[in-house]
Amino acid sequence: MPKLYGWGAAIVILGALFKIEHLPFASEMLIVGLGMEAIIFFFSAFEKPHEEYEWERAYPELGHDMTDPANMSPAQQLDEA
């Protein structure tokens, strides 16, 4: 899907450039590019949600409140003092 986003965006940008420069086929490029983007966004609505991992299980230090002095490293405790 990310490659399709890029292709659609590239066509839209080229179409806008062609419009600014008054070059031929600008309207057609914008229609194709924006149509492609609309189709891509439609199908991306049905993608599986991104799976979040519980990193605290692998790295327990991520789950602690690091502002609590009991969870701070000695160097951090000295910096706070």
Protein backbone atom coordinates (compact mmCIF):
# COMPACT_ATOMS: atom_id res chain seq x y z
CA MET A 1 0.00 0.00 0.00
CA PRO A 2 2.69 2.60 0.77
CA LYS A 3 4.02 2.34 -2.78
CA LEU A 4 0.55 3.05 -4.14
CA TYR A 5 0.27 6.13 -1.91
CA GLY A 6 3.52 7.36 -3.41
CA TRP A 7 2.44 6.72 -7.00
CA GLY A 8 -0.86 8.52 -6.48
CA ALA A 9 0.81 11.47 -4.78
CA ALA A 10 3.44 11.71 -7.52
CA ILE A 11 0.76 11.87 -10.22
CA VAL A 12 -1.16 14.54 -8.29
CA ILE A 13 1.99 16.62 -7.82
CA LEU A 14 2.90 16.31 -11.50
CA GLY A 15 -0.65 17.24 -12.45
CA ALA A 16 -0.47 20.34 -10.25
CA LEU A 17 2.88 21.25 -11.79
CA PHE A 18 1.43 20.82 -15.28
CA LYS A 19 -1.52 23.06 -14.27
CA ILE A 20 0.78 25.78 -12.95
CA GLU A 21 2.88 25.66 -16.12
CA HIS A 22 -0.22 25.44 -18.36
CA LEU A 23 1.06 22.24 -19.96
CA PRO A 24 -1.21 19.76 -21.77
CA PHE A 25 -2.88 16.83 -19.97
CA ALA A 26 -2.78 18.57 -16.58
CA SER A 27 -6.48 18.02 -15.88
CA GLU A 28 -6.26 14.36 -16.85
CA MET A 29 -3.26 13.82 -14.58
CA LEU A 30 -5.07 15.43 -11.66
CA ILE A 31 -8.17 13.33 -12.28
CA VAL A 32 -6.15 10.10 -12.46
CA GLY A 33 -3.99 10.98 -9.45
CA LEU A 34 -6.83 12.10 -7.20
CA GLY A 35 -8.97 9.16 -8.32
CA MET A 36 -6.13 6.79 -7.47
CA GLU A 37 -5.71 8.41 -4.05
CA ALA A 38 -9.45 8.10 -3.37
CA ILE A 39 -9.41 4.40 -4.28
CA ILE A 40 -6.31 3.79 -2.15
CA PHE A 41 -7.84 5.54 0.86
CA PHE A 42 -11.05 3.56 0.40
CA PHE A 43 -9.21 0.23 0.47
CA SER A 44 -6.91 1.29 3.29
CA ALA A 45 -9.98 1.66 5.51
CA PHE A 46 -10.32 -2.14 5.41
CA GLU A 47 -6.73 -2.96 6.38
CA LYS A 48 -6.06 -4.82 9.61
CA PRO A 49 -5.22 -2.52 12.50
CA HIS A 50 -1.55 -2.33 13.39
CA GLU A 51 -0.70 -4.77 16.18
CA GLU A 52 0.80 -3.09 19.23
CA TYR A 53 3.29 -5.10 21.20
CA GLU A 54 3.61 -5.08 24.97
CA TRP A 55 7.20 -3.91 25.13
CA GLU A 56 7.01 -3.76 28.92
CA ARG A 57 7.08 -7.56 28.97
CA ALA A 58 10.45 -7.67 27.20
CA TYR A 59 11.82 -4.48 28.76
CA PRO A 60 10.29 -4.11 32.25
CA GLU A 61 11.99 -0.75 32.80
CA LEU A 62 9.63 0.75 30.22
CA GLY A 63 6.63 0.11 32.45
CA HIS A 64 7.89 1.93 35.53
CA ASP A 65 7.26 5.52 36.43
CA MET A 66 10.74 6.98 36.01
CA THR A 67 9.90 10.08 38.07
CA ASP A 68 9.66 7.93 41.21
CA PRO A 69 13.10 7.92 42.91
CA ALA A 70 12.77 4.20 43.68
CA ASN A 71 12.73 3.44 39.95
CA MET A 72 15.55 5.81 38.99
CA SER A 73 19.13 4.76 38.42
CA PRO A 74 21.71 6.00 40.96
CA ALA A 75 23.05 8.49 38.41
CA GLN A 76 19.56 9.89 37.86
CA GLN A 77 19.00 10.11 41.62
CA LEU A 78 22.25 12.08 42.00
CA ASP A 79 21.25 14.39 39.15
CA GLU A 80 17.95 15.10 40.90
CA ALA A 81 19.67 15.97 44.21
